[in-house]
C-alpha atoms as a PDB file:
ATOM      1  CA  MET A   1     -15.276  -3.718 -25.874  1.00  0.00           C
ATOM      2  CA  ASP A   2     -12.604  -2.831 -23.630  1.00  0.00           C
ATOM      3  CA  THR A   3     -14.933  -2.062 -20.865  1.00  0.00           C
ATOM      4  CA  LEU A   4     -16.822  -5.207 -21.138  1.00  0.00           C
ATOM      5  CA  ARG A   5     -13.586  -7.212 -21.061  1.00  0.00           C
ATOM      6  CA  SER A   6     -12.445  -5.216 -18.119  1.00  0.00           C
ATOM      7  CA  ILE A   7     -15.709  -5.973 -16.240  1.00  0.00           C
ATOM      8  CA  ALA A   8     -15.599  -9.650 -16.924  1.00  0.00           C
ATOM      9  CA  LEU A   9     -11.954  -9.648 -15.682  1.00  0.00           C
ATOM     10  CA  PHE A  10     -12.952  -7.949 -12.404  1.00  0.00           C
ATOM     11  CA  VAL A  11     -15.717 -10.440 -12.038  1.00  0.00           C
ATOM     12  CA  ALA A  12     -13.273 -13.448 -12.716  1.00  0.00           C
ATOM     13  CA  ALA A  13     -10.647 -11.808 -10.263  1.00  0.00           C
ATOM     14  CA  ALA A  14     -13.183 -11.402  -7.575  1.00  0.00           C
ATOM     15  CA  PHE A  15     -14.366 -14.914  -7.871  1.00  0.00           C
ATOM     16  CA  ALA A  16     -10.789 -16.274  -7.710  1.00  0.00           C
ATOM     17  CA  GLU A  17      -9.827 -13.984  -4.621  1.00  0.00           C
ATOM     18  CA  ILE A  18     -12.875 -14.264  -2.645  1.00  0.00           C
ATOM     19  CA  GLY A  19     -13.314 -17.922  -3.341  1.00  0.00           C
ATOM     20  CA  GLY A  20      -9.531 -18.421  -2.448  1.00  0.00           C
ATOM     21  CA  ALA A  21      -9.896 -16.588   0.715  1.00  0.00           C
ATOM     22  CA  TRP A  22     -12.957 -18.611   1.569  1.00  0.00           C
ATOM     23  CA  LEU A  23     -11.444 -21.754   0.930  1.00  0.00           C
ATOM     24  CA  ILE A  24      -8.479 -20.929   3.284  1.00  0.00           C
ATOM     25  CA  TRP A  25     -11.119 -19.763   5.929  1.00  0.00           C
ATOM     26  CA  GLN A  26     -12.786 -23.140   5.500  1.00  0.00           C
ATOM     27  CA  GLY A  27      -9.541 -25.065   5.768  1.00  0.00           C
ATOM     28  CA  VAL A  28      -8.509 -23.197   8.897  1.00  0.00           C
ATOM     29  CA  ARG A  29     -11.490 -22.109  10.786  1.00  0.00           C
ATOM     30  CA  GLU A  30     -13.834 -24.848   9.897  1.00  0.00           C
ATOM     31  CA  HIS A  31     -11.005 -27.437  10.226  1.00  0.00           C
ATOM     32  CA  ARG A  32     -11.575 -28.734   6.635  1.00  0.00           C
ATOM     33  CA  GLY A  33      -7.876 -29.520   6.062  1.00  0.00           C
ATOM     34  CA  LEU A  34      -4.893 -28.793   3.967  1.00  0.00           C
ATOM     35  CA  LEU A  35      -6.682 -29.614   0.585  1.00  0.00           C
ATOM     36  CA  TRP A  36      -9.029 -26.781   1.106  1.00  0.00           C
ATOM     37  CA  ILE A  37      -6.193 -24.379   2.060  1.00  0.00           C
ATOM     38  CA  GLY A  38      -4.161 -25.478  -0.970  1.00  0.00           C
ATOM     39  CA  GLY A  39      -7.061 -24.888  -3.144  1.00  0.00           C
ATOM     40  CA  GLY A  40      -7.441 -21.458  -1.740  1.00  0.00           C
ATOM     41  CA  VAL A  41      -3.772 -20.706  -2.424  1.00  0.00           C
ATOM     42  CA  VAL A  42      -4.042 -21.751  -6.012  1.00  0.00           C
ATOM     43  CA  ALA A  43      -7.279 -19.521  -6.372  1.00  0.00           C
ATOM     44  CA  LEU A  44      -5.490 -16.530  -4.837  1.00  0.00           C
ATOM     45  CA  GLY A  45      -2.577 -17.025  -7.245  1.00  0.00           C
ATOM     46  CA  ALA A  46      -5.163 -17.178 -10.076  1.00  0.00           C
ATOM     47  CA  TYR A  47      -6.408 -13.995  -8.941  1.00  0.00           C
ATOM     48  CA  GLY A  48      -3.018 -12.361  -9.203  1.00  0.00           C
ATOM     49  CA  PHE A  49      -2.689 -13.510 -12.729  1.00  0.00           C
ATOM     50  CA  VAL A  50      -6.192 -12.440 -14.015  1.00  0.00           C
ATOM     51  CA  ALA A  51      -5.482  -8.956 -12.528  1.00  0.00           C
ATOM     52  CA  THR A  52      -2.668  -8.647 -15.075  1.00  0.00           C
ATOM     53  CA  LEU A  53      -4.963  -9.114 -17.895  1.00  0.00           C
ATOM     54  CA  GLN A  54      -6.853  -5.865 -17.418  1.00  0.00           C
ATOM     55  CA  PRO A  55      -6.568  -3.674 -20.557  1.00  0.00           C
ATOM     56  CA  ASP A  56      -5.368  -0.615 -18.388  1.00  0.00           C
ATOM     57  CA  ALA A  57      -1.577  -0.667 -17.690  1.00  0.00           C
ATOM     58  CA  SER A  58      -1.643   1.028 -14.375  1.00  0.00           C
ATOM     59  CA  PHE A  59      -1.217  -1.217 -11.321  1.00  0.00           C
ATOM     60  CA  GLY A  60      -2.310   1.326  -8.802  1.00  0.00           C
ATOM     61  CA  ARG A  61      -5.489   2.072 -10.826  1.00  0.00           C
ATOM     62  CA  ILE A  62      -6.343  -1.674 -11.329  1.00  0.00           C
ATOM     63  CA  LEU A  63      -5.751  -2.613  -7.632  1.00  0.00           C
ATOM     64  CA  ALA A  64      -7.637   0.543  -6.275  1.00  0.00           C
ATOM     65  CA  ALA A  65     -10.657  -0.177  -8.561  1.00  0.00           C
ATOM     66  CA  TYR A  66     -10.664  -3.777  -7.768  1.00  0.00           C
ATOM     67  CA  GLY A  67     -10.960  -2.953  -3.951  1.00  0.00           C
ATOM     68  CA  GLY A  68     -14.396  -1.616  -4.689  1.00  0.00           C
ATOM     69  CA  VAL A  69     -15.229  -4.794  -6.565  1.00  0.00           C
ATOM     70  CA  PHE A  70     -13.866  -6.950  -3.657  1.00  0.00           C
ATOM     71  CA  VAL A  71     -16.193  -5.145  -1.140  1.00  0.00           C
ATOM     72  CA  ALA A  72     -19.376  -5.580  -3.294  1.00  0.00           C
ATOM     73  CA  GLY A  73     -18.450  -9.185  -4.216  1.00  0.00           C
ATOM     74  CA  SER A  74     -17.557 -10.271  -0.641  1.00  0.00           C
ATOM     75  CA  LEU A  75     -21.105  -9.202   0.357  1.00  0.00           C
ATOM     76  CA  LEU A  76     -22.604 -11.043  -2.527  1.00  0.00           C
ATOM     77  CA  TRP A  77     -20.384 -14.132  -1.765  1.00  0.00           C
ATOM     78  CA  GLY A  78     -21.637 -14.155   1.811  1.00  0.00           C
ATOM     79  CA  MET A  79     -25.268 -14.016   0.754  1.00  0.00           C
ATOM     80  CA  VAL A  80     -24.896 -16.841  -1.674  1.00  0.00           C
ATOM     81  CA  VAL A  81     -22.492 -19.034  -0.005  1.00  0.00           C
ATOM     82  CA  ASP A  82     -23.046 -18.427   3.853  1.00  0.00           C
ATOM     83  CA  GLY A  83     -26.538 -16.964   4.056  1.00  0.00           C
ATOM     84  CA  PHE A  84     -25.410 -13.585   5.141  1.00  0.00           C
ATOM     85  CA  GLU A  85     -28.080 -10.925   5.123  1.00  0.00           C
ATOM     86  CA  PRO A  86     -26.610  -7.524   4.393  1.00  0.00           C
ATOM     87  CA  ASP A  87     -28.454  -4.496   5.890  1.00  0.00           C
ATOM     88  CA  ARG A  88     -29.132  -1.367   3.990  1.00  0.00           C
ATOM     89  CA  TRP A  89     -25.675   0.077   5.140  1.00  0.00           C
ATOM     90  CA  ASP A  90     -23.739  -2.856   3.676  1.00  0.00           C
ATOM     91  CA  VAL A  91     -25.788  -2.404   0.395  1.00  0.00           C
ATOM     92  CA  SER A  92     -25.227   1.350   0.416  1.00  0.00           C
ATOM     93  CA  GLY A  93     -21.558   1.054   1.011  1.00  0.00           C
ATOM     94  CA  ALA A  94     -21.063  -1.657  -1.662  1.00  0.00           C
ATOM     95  CA  LEU A  95     -23.036   0.756  -4.153  1.00  0.00           C
ATOM     96  CA  VAL A  96     -20.640   3.677  -3.258  1.00  0.00           C
ATOM     97  CA  CYS A  97     -17.676   1.346  -3.914  1.00  0.00           C
ATOM     98  CA  LEU A  98     -18.904   0.436  -7.227  1.00  0.00           C
ATOM     99  CA  VAL A  99     -19.534   3.934  -8.206  1.00  0.00           C
ATOM    100  CA  GLY A 100     -15.799   4.444  -7.082  1.00  0.00           C
ATOM    101  CA  VAL A 101     -14.841   1.674  -9.443  1.00  0.00           C
ATOM    102  CA  GLY A 102     -16.759   3.258 -12.256  1.00  0.00           C
ATOM    103  CA  LEU A 103     -15.056   6.652 -11.785  1.00  0.00           C
ATOM    104  CA  ILE A 104     -11.441   5.085 -11.289  1.00  0.00           C
ATOM    105  CA  MET A 105     -11.673   2.684 -14.289  1.00  0.00           C
ATOM    106  CA  TYR A 106     -14.050   4.134 -16.939  1.00  0.00           C
ATOM    107  CA  ALA A 107     -14.132   7.997 -16.554  1.00  0.00           C
ATOM    108  CA  PRO A 108     -13.045   9.857 -19.695  1.00  0.00           C
ATOM    109  CA  ARG A 109      -9.192  10.718 -19.529  1.00  0.00           C
ATOM    110  CA  PRO A 110      -7.227  12.757 -22.028  1.00  0.00           C
ATOM    111  CA  ALA A 111      -5.347  10.451 -24.471  1.00  0.00           C
END
């Protein structure tokens, strides 16, 4: 159950961080204004909070693993929201990152 909770938290954190960065991007680069930027700042703050809910107590481990989730999530966000078409190297790299997440977070360790 901890693994499922952890995965759900990674998904929620990815949505908040990637969404927040995208909102700020839209506010600044696409000139959509301060409300978009403010929404992005709030979403990024939510990411920071959600990350603290992970069952593992190691900040370094959580943040390192989240890096891999961020890579794959960013490509997926680009596909869904911006029409980005990843090539085989993008997909391969994201899969390598997700394998790394699995090793970092869920490999058996002595108690």
